[in-house]
PDB file of N, CA and C in Angstrom:
ATOM      1  N   MET A   1       0.984  -1.200   0.043  1.00  0.00           N
ATOM      2  CA  MET A   1      -0.029  -0.108   0.052  1.00  0.00           C
ATOM      3  C   MET A   1       0.873   1.348   0.079  1.00  0.00           C
ATOM      4  N   VAL A   2       1.935   1.128   0.650  1.00  0.00           N
ATOM      5  CA  VAL A   2       2.863   2.228   0.769  1.00  0.00           C
ATOM      6  C   VAL A   2       3.379   2.588  -0.693  1.00  0.00           C
ATOM      7  N   VAL A   3       3.975   1.563  -1.177  1.00  0.00           N
ATOM      8  CA  VAL A   3       4.291   1.768  -2.582  1.00  0.00           C
ATOM      9  C   VAL A   3       3.408   2.303  -3.665  1.00  0.00           C
ATOM     10  N   ALA A   4       2.076   2.010  -3.412  1.00  0.00           N
ATOM     11  CA  ALA A   4       1.169   2.445  -4.317  1.00  0.00           C
ATOM     12  C   ALA A   4       0.632   4.047  -4.236  1.00  0.00           C
ATOM     13  N   LEU A   5       0.782   4.475  -2.682  1.00  0.00           N
ATOM     14  CA  LEU A   5       0.807   5.808  -2.269  1.00  0.00           C
ATOM     15  C   LEU A   5       1.943   6.558  -2.889  1.00  0.00           C
ATOM     16  N   PHE A   6       3.115   6.241  -2.770  1.00  0.00           N
ATOM     17  CA  PHE A   6       4.358   6.675  -3.370  1.00  0.00           C
ATOM     18  C   PHE A   6       4.257   7.038  -4.733  1.00  0.00           C
ATOM     19  N   LEU A   7       3.702   6.058  -5.522  1.00  0.00           N
ATOM     20  CA  LEU A   7       3.515   6.025  -6.912  1.00  0.00           C
ATOM     21  C   LEU A   7       2.511   6.989  -7.349  1.00  0.00           C
ATOM     22  N   ILE A   8       1.502   7.121  -6.743  1.00  0.00           N
ATOM     23  CA  ILE A   8       0.547   8.248  -6.984  1.00  0.00           C
ATOM     24  C   ILE A   8       1.062   9.596  -6.822  1.00  0.00           C
ATOM     25  N   ILE A   9       1.564   9.781  -5.755  1.00  0.00           N
ATOM     26  CA  ILE A   9       2.329  11.022  -5.374  1.00  0.00           C
ATOM     27  C   ILE A   9       3.298  11.595  -6.306  1.00  0.00           C
ATOM     28  N   VAL A  10       4.202  10.684  -7.021  1.00  0.00           N
ATOM     29  CA  VAL A  10       5.145  10.970  -7.777  1.00  0.00           C
ATOM     30  C   VAL A  10       4.655  11.324  -9.272  1.00  0.00           C
ATOM     31  N   VAL A  11       3.528  10.408  -9.677  1.00  0.00           N
ATOM     32  CA  VAL A  11       2.873  10.719 -10.830  1.00  0.00           C
ATOM     33  C   VAL A  11       2.202  12.034 -10.569  1.00  0.00           C
ATOM     34  N   VAL A  12       1.434  12.391  -9.810  1.00  0.00           N
ATOM     35  CA  VAL A  12       0.811  13.509  -9.513  1.00  0.00           C
ATOM     36  C   VAL A  12       1.715  14.864  -9.495  1.00  0.00           C
ATOM     37  N   ALA A  13       3.040  14.635  -8.963  1.00  0.00           N
ATOM     38  CA  ALA A  13       3.827  15.742  -9.006  1.00  0.00           C
ATOM     39  C   ALA A  13       4.386  16.255 -10.131  1.00  0.00           C
ATOM     40  N   GLN A  14       4.398  15.305 -11.103  1.00  0.00           N
ATOM     41  CA  GLN A  14       5.038  15.582 -12.381  1.00  0.00           C
ATOM     42  C   GLN A  14       4.309  16.676 -13.267  1.00  0.00           C
ATOM     43  N   GLU A  15       5.056  17.160 -14.145  1.00  0.00           N
ATOM     44  CA  GLU A  15       4.457  18.219 -14.766  1.00  0.00           C
ATOM     45  C   GLU A  15       4.041  17.827 -16.121  1.00  0.00           C
ATOM     46  N   SER A  16       2.849  18.146 -16.688  1.00  0.00           N
ATOM     47  CA  SER A  16       2.303  17.951 -17.991  1.00  0.00           C
ATOM     48  C   SER A  16       3.320  17.959 -19.055  1.00  0.00           C
ATOM     49  N   LYS A  17       3.537  17.174 -20.002  1.00  0.00           N
ATOM     50  CA  LYS A  17       4.326  17.281 -21.126  1.00  0.00           C
ATOM     51  C   LYS A  17       3.600  17.801 -22.260  1.00  0.00           C
ATOM     52  N   GLN A  18       2.247  17.644 -22.383  1.00  0.00           N
ATOM     53  CA  GLN A  18       1.344  18.302 -23.476  1.00  0.00           C
ATOM     54  C   GLN A  18       0.710  19.263 -22.908  1.00  0.00           C
ATOM     55  N   PRO A  19       0.432  20.405 -23.858  1.00  0.00           N
ATOM     56  CA  PRO A  19      -0.553  21.415 -23.451  1.00  0.00           C
ATOM     57  C   PRO A  19      -2.122  20.947 -23.326  1.00  0.00           C
ATOM     58  N   GLY A  20      -2.665  21.121 -22.314  1.00  0.00           N
ATOM     59  CA  GLY A  20      -4.151  20.655 -22.135  1.00  0.00           C
ATOM     60  C   GLY A  20      -5.014  21.871 -22.543  1.00  0.00           C
ATOM     61  N   MET A  21      -6.256  21.709 -22.157  1.00  0.00           N
ATOM     62  CA  MET A  21      -7.243  22.729 -22.463  1.00  0.00           C
ATOM     63  C   MET A  21      -6.855  24.164 -21.967  1.00  0.00           C
ATOM     64  N   GLY A  22      -6.160  24.206 -21.033  1.00  0.00           N
ATOM     65  CA  GLY A  22      -5.672  25.657 -20.460  1.00  0.00           C
ATOM     66  C   GLY A  22      -4.875  26.426 -21.368  1.00  0.00           C
ATOM     67  N   SER A  23      -4.149  25.746 -22.490  1.00  0.00           N
ATOM     68  CA  SER A  23      -3.320  26.258 -23.394  1.00  0.00           C
ATOM     69  C   SER A  23      -4.137  27.036 -24.256  1.00  0.00           C
ATOM     70  N   ALA A  24      -5.465  26.665 -24.564  1.00  0.00           N
ATOM     71  CA  ALA A  24      -6.211  27.505 -25.491  1.00  0.00           C
ATOM     72  C   ALA A  24      -6.678  28.780 -25.010  1.00  0.00           C
ATOM     73  N   ILE A  25      -6.839  28.742 -23.626  1.00  0.00           N
ATOM     74  CA  ILE A  25      -7.287  29.940 -23.115  1.00  0.00           C
ATOM     75  C   ILE A  25      -6.199  31.053 -22.698  1.00  0.00           C
ATOM     76  N   GLY A  26      -5.003  30.536 -22.683  1.00  0.00           N
ATOM     77  CA  GLY A  26      -3.830  31.442 -22.408  1.00  0.00           C
ATOM     78  C   GLY A  26      -2.762  30.864 -21.392  1.00  0.00           C
ATOM     79  N   GLY A  27      -2.774  29.806 -21.111  1.00  0.00           N
ATOM     80  CA  GLY A  27      -1.985  29.015 -20.213  1.00  0.00           C
ATOM     81  C   GLY A  27      -0.828  28.412 -21.030  1.00  0.00           C
ATOM     82  N   GLY A  28      -0.604  28.416 -22.088  1.00  0.00           N
ATOM     83  CA  GLY A  28       0.271  27.888 -22.940  1.00  0.00           C
ATOM     84  C   GLY A  28       1.729  28.580 -23.078  1.00  0.00           C
ATOM     85  N   ALA A  29       1.507  29.954 -22.343  1.00  0.00           N
ATOM     86  CA  ALA A  29       2.786  30.852 -22.698  1.00  0.00           C
ATOM     87  C   ALA A  29       3.692  30.527 -21.476  1.00  0.00           C
ATOM     88  N   GLU A  30       3.394  29.897 -20.424  1.00  0.00           N
ATOM     89  CA  GLU A  30       4.276  29.607 -19.477  1.00  0.00           C
ATOM     90  C   GLU A  30       5.373  28.405 -19.884  1.00  0.00           C
ATOM     91  N   GLY A  31       4.930  27.775 -20.948  1.00  0.00           N
ATOM     92  CA  GLY A  31       5.752  26.693 -21.403  1.00  0.00           C
ATOM     93  C   GLY A  31       6.921  27.269 -22.220  1.00  0.00           C
ATOM     94  N   MET A  32       6.616  28.590 -22.842  1.00  0.00           N
ATOM     95  CA  MET A  32       7.658  28.948 -23.952  1.00  0.00           C
ATOM     96  C   MET A  32       8.533  29.944 -22.856  1.00  0.00           C
ATOM     97  N   MET A  33       8.124  30.730 -22.042  1.00  0.00           N
ATOM     98  CA  MET A  33       8.744  31.797 -21.443  1.00  0.00           C
ATOM     99  C   MET A  33       9.455  31.080 -20.312  1.00  0.00           C
ATOM    100  N   GLY A  34       8.729  30.316 -19.249  1.00  0.00           N
ATOM    101  CA  GLY A  34       9.592  29.626 -18.274  1.00  0.00           C
ATOM    102  C   GLY A  34       9.950  28.300 -18.357  1.00  0.00           C
ATOM    103  N   GLY A  35      11.348  28.100 -18.551  1.00  0.00           N
ATOM    104  CA  GLY A  35      11.736  26.751 -18.985  1.00  0.00           C
ATOM    105  C   GLY A  35      11.497  25.762 -17.837  1.00  0.00           C
ATOM    106  N   LYS A  36      11.202  24.545 -18.055  1.00  0.00           N
ATOM    107  CA  LYS A  36      10.892  23.509 -17.204  1.00  0.00           C
ATOM    108  C   LYS A  36      12.290  23.193 -16.544  1.00  0.00           C
ATOM    109  N   SER A  37      12.095  22.849 -15.097  1.00  0.00           N
ATOM    110  CA  SER A  37      13.397  22.241 -14.452  1.00  0.00           C
ATOM    111  C   SER A  37      13.570  20.837 -14.901  1.00  0.00           C
ATOM    112  N   ARG A  38      14.583  20.707 -15.925  1.00  0.00           N
ATOM    113  CA  ARG A  38      14.861  19.316 -16.375  1.00  0.00           C
ATOM    114  C   ARG A  38      15.238  18.404 -15.381  1.00  0.00           C
ATOM    115  N   GLY A  39      15.981  18.847 -14.266  1.00  0.00           N
ATOM    116  CA  GLY A  39      16.460  17.805 -13.117  1.00  0.00           C
ATOM    117  C   GLY A  39      15.245  17.104 -12.437  1.00  0.00           C
ATOM    118  N   LYS A  40      14.336  18.198 -12.119  1.00  0.00           N
ATOM    119  CA  LYS A  40      13.369  17.401 -11.386  1.00  0.00           C
ATOM    120  C   LYS A  40      12.336  16.609 -12.141  1.00  0.00           C
ATOM    121  N   ASP A  41      12.172  17.085 -13.440  1.00  0.00           N
ATOM    122  CA  ASP A  41      11.550  16.155 -14.202  1.00  0.00           C
ATOM    123  C   ASP A  41      12.210  14.871 -14.586  1.00  0.00           C
ATOM    124  N   ALA A  42      13.453  14.828 -14.642  1.00  0.00           N
ATOM    125  CA  ALA A  42      14.209  13.444 -14.892  1.00  0.00           C
ATOM    126  C   ALA A  42      14.142  12.612 -13.702  1.00  0.00           C
ATOM    127  N   VAL A  43      14.146  13.250 -12.542  1.00  0.00           N
ATOM    128  CA  VAL A  43      14.179  12.572 -11.196  1.00  0.00           C
ATOM    129  C   VAL A  43      12.827  11.807 -11.000  1.00  0.00           C
ATOM    130  N   LEU A  44      11.840  12.662 -11.145  1.00  0.00           N
ATOM    131  CA  LEU A  44      10.416  12.109 -10.958  1.00  0.00           C
ATOM    132  C   LEU A  44      10.182  10.943 -12.062  1.00  0.00           C
ATOM    133  N   SER A  45      10.616  11.092 -13.247  1.00  0.00           N
ATOM    134  CA  SER A  45      10.438  10.151 -14.206  1.00  0.00           C
ATOM    135  C   SER A  45      11.273   8.897 -13.806  1.00  0.00           C
ATOM    136  N   LYS A  46      12.223   8.976 -13.388  1.00  0.00           N
ATOM    137  CA  LYS A  46      13.069   7.660 -12.848  1.00  0.00           C
ATOM    138  C   LYS A  46      12.237   7.159 -11.714  1.00  0.00           C
ATOM    139  N   PHE A  47      11.997   8.008 -10.816  1.00  0.00           N
ATOM    140  CA  PHE A  47      11.177   7.458  -9.556  1.00  0.00           C
ATOM    141  C   PHE A  47       9.916   6.576 -10.029  1.00  0.00           C
ATOM    142  N   THR A  48       9.241   7.259 -10.959  1.00  0.00           N
ATOM    143  CA  THR A  48       8.073   6.759 -11.512  1.00  0.00           C
ATOM    144  C   THR A  48       8.044   5.189 -12.204  1.00  0.00           C
ATOM    145  N   VAL A  49       9.236   5.099 -12.897  1.00  0.00           N
ATOM    146  CA  VAL A  49       9.573   3.912 -13.458  1.00  0.00           C
ATOM    147  C   VAL A  49      10.031   2.826 -12.481  1.00  0.00           C
ATOM    148  N   VAL A  50      10.915   3.266 -11.451  1.00  0.00           N
ATOM    149  CA  VAL A  50      11.256   2.331 -10.424  1.00  0.00           C
ATOM    150  C   VAL A  50      10.046   1.884  -9.513  1.00  0.00           C
ATOM    151  N   LEU A  51       9.285   2.684  -9.119  1.00  0.00           N
ATOM    152  CA  LEU A  51       8.054   2.480  -8.297  1.00  0.00           C
ATOM    153  C   LEU A  51       6.996   1.585  -9.007  1.00  0.00           C
ATOM    154  N   GLY A  52       6.834   1.987 -10.442  1.00  0.00           N
ATOM    155  CA  GLY A  52       5.890   1.096 -11.009  1.00  0.00           C
ATOM    156  C   GLY A  52       6.378  -0.387 -11.152  1.00  0.00           C
ATOM    157  N   ILE A  53       7.731  -0.571 -11.460  1.00  0.00           N
ATOM    158  CA  ILE A  53       8.142  -2.017 -11.683  1.00  0.00           C
ATOM    159  C   ILE A  53       8.134  -2.521 -10.113  1.00  0.00           C
ATOM    160  N   LEU A  54       8.577  -1.957  -9.223  1.00  0.00           N
ATOM    161  CA  LEU A  54       8.365  -2.520  -7.825  1.00  0.00           C
ATOM    162  C   LEU A  54       6.916  -2.714  -7.288  1.00  0.00           C
ATOM    163  N   PHE A  55       6.036  -1.860  -7.808  1.00  0.00           N
ATOM    164  CA  PHE A  55       4.566  -2.254  -7.470  1.00  0.00           C
ATOM    165  C   PHE A  55       4.154  -3.449  -8.330  1.00  0.00           C
ATOM    166  N   ALA A  56       4.535  -3.515  -9.509  1.00  0.00           N
ATOM    167  CA  ALA A  56       4.185  -4.662 -10.554  1.00  0.00           C
ATOM    168  C   ALA A  56       4.754  -6.050  -9.866  1.00  0.00           C
ATOM    169  N   VAL A  57       6.064  -5.884  -9.277  1.00  0.00           N
ATOM    170  CA  VAL A  57       6.690  -7.059  -8.819  1.00  0.00           C
ATOM    171  C   VAL A  57       5.919  -7.430  -7.443  1.00  0.00           C
ATOM    172  N   LEU A  58       5.864  -6.510  -6.672  1.00  0.00           N
ATOM    173  CA  LEU A  58       5.125  -6.811  -5.470  1.00  0.00           C
ATOM    174  C   LEU A  58       3.505  -7.449  -5.579  1.00  0.00           C
ATOM    175  N   CYS A  59       3.150  -6.930  -6.531  1.00  0.00           N
ATOM    176  CA  CYS A  59       1.725  -7.473  -6.846  1.00  0.00           C
ATOM    177  C   CYS A  59       1.729  -8.877  -7.089  1.00  0.00           C
ATOM    178  N   LEU A  60       2.776  -9.400  -7.973  1.00  0.00           N
ATOM    179  CA  LEU A  60       3.000 -10.605  -8.390  1.00  0.00           C
ATOM    180  C   LEU A  60       3.493 -11.563  -7.314  1.00  0.00           C
ATOM    181  N   VAL A  61       4.306 -11.161  -6.478  1.00  0.00           N
ATOM    182  CA  VAL A  61       4.793 -11.972  -5.487  1.00  0.00           C
ATOM    183  C   VAL A  61       3.749 -12.106  -4.414  1.00  0.00           C
ATOM    184  N   LEU A  62       2.988 -11.018  -3.988  1.00  0.00           N
ATOM    185  CA  LEU A  62       1.939 -11.155  -3.041  1.00  0.00           C
ATOM    186  C   LEU A  62       0.868 -12.113  -3.545  1.00  0.00           C
ATOM    187  N   GLY A  63       0.583 -12.152  -4.892  1.00  0.00           N
ATOM    188  CA  GLY A  63      -0.620 -12.712  -5.377  1.00  0.00           C
ATOM    189  C   GLY A  63      -0.117 -14.303  -5.559  1.00  0.00           C
ATOM    190  N   ARG A  64       1.020 -14.579  -5.811  1.00  0.00           N
ATOM    191  CA  ARG A  64       1.738 -16.056  -5.872  1.00  0.00           C
ATOM    192  C   ARG A  64       1.653 -16.324  -4.287  1.00  0.00           C
ATOM    193  N   TYR A  65       1.933 -15.594  -3.333  1.00  0.00           N
ATOM    194  CA  TYR A  65       2.168 -16.010  -1.851  1.00  0.00           C
ATOM    195  C   TYR A  65       0.965 -16.409  -1.367  1.00  0.00           C
ATOM    196  N   MET A  66      -0.329 -15.543  -1.694  1.00  0.00           N
ATOM    197  CA  MET A  66      -1.506 -15.927  -1.208  1.00  0.00           C
ATOM    198  C   MET A  66      -2.275 -16.682  -2.155  1.00  0.00           C
ATOM    199  N   ASN A  67      -1.720 -17.323  -3.325  1.00  0.00           N
ATOM    200  CA  ASN A  67      -2.434 -18.202  -3.979  1.00  0.00           C
ATOM    201  C   ASN A  67      -3.723 -17.730  -4.576  1.00  0.00           C
ATOM    202  N   THR A  68      -3.800 -16.365  -4.965  1.00  0.00           N
ATOM    203  CA  THR A  68      -4.991 -15.849  -5.683  1.00  0.00           C
ATOM    204  C   THR A  68      -5.131 -15.939  -7.127  1.00  0.00           C
ATOM    205  N   PHE A  69      -3.792 -16.331  -7.749  1.00  0.00           N
ATOM    206  CA  PHE A  69      -3.948 -16.711  -9.065  1.00  0.00           C
ATOM    207  C   PHE A  69      -3.450 -17.943  -9.599  1.00  0.00           C
TER     208      PHE A  69
END
């Protein structure tokens, strides 16, 4: 459960890579003027991959341990 919560937090903390509906109203200028912090995005992306793999492995191990599949 802890890994799932951390995974949710890391995914929500990432910045969107695609302009959404807000860019049509005027929110798209922030992507051009203020450059994104590449260091933060890279770290969050790596954490997402690691936590996703860890979550999948834990699900398989716990499923096998509990004989549910």
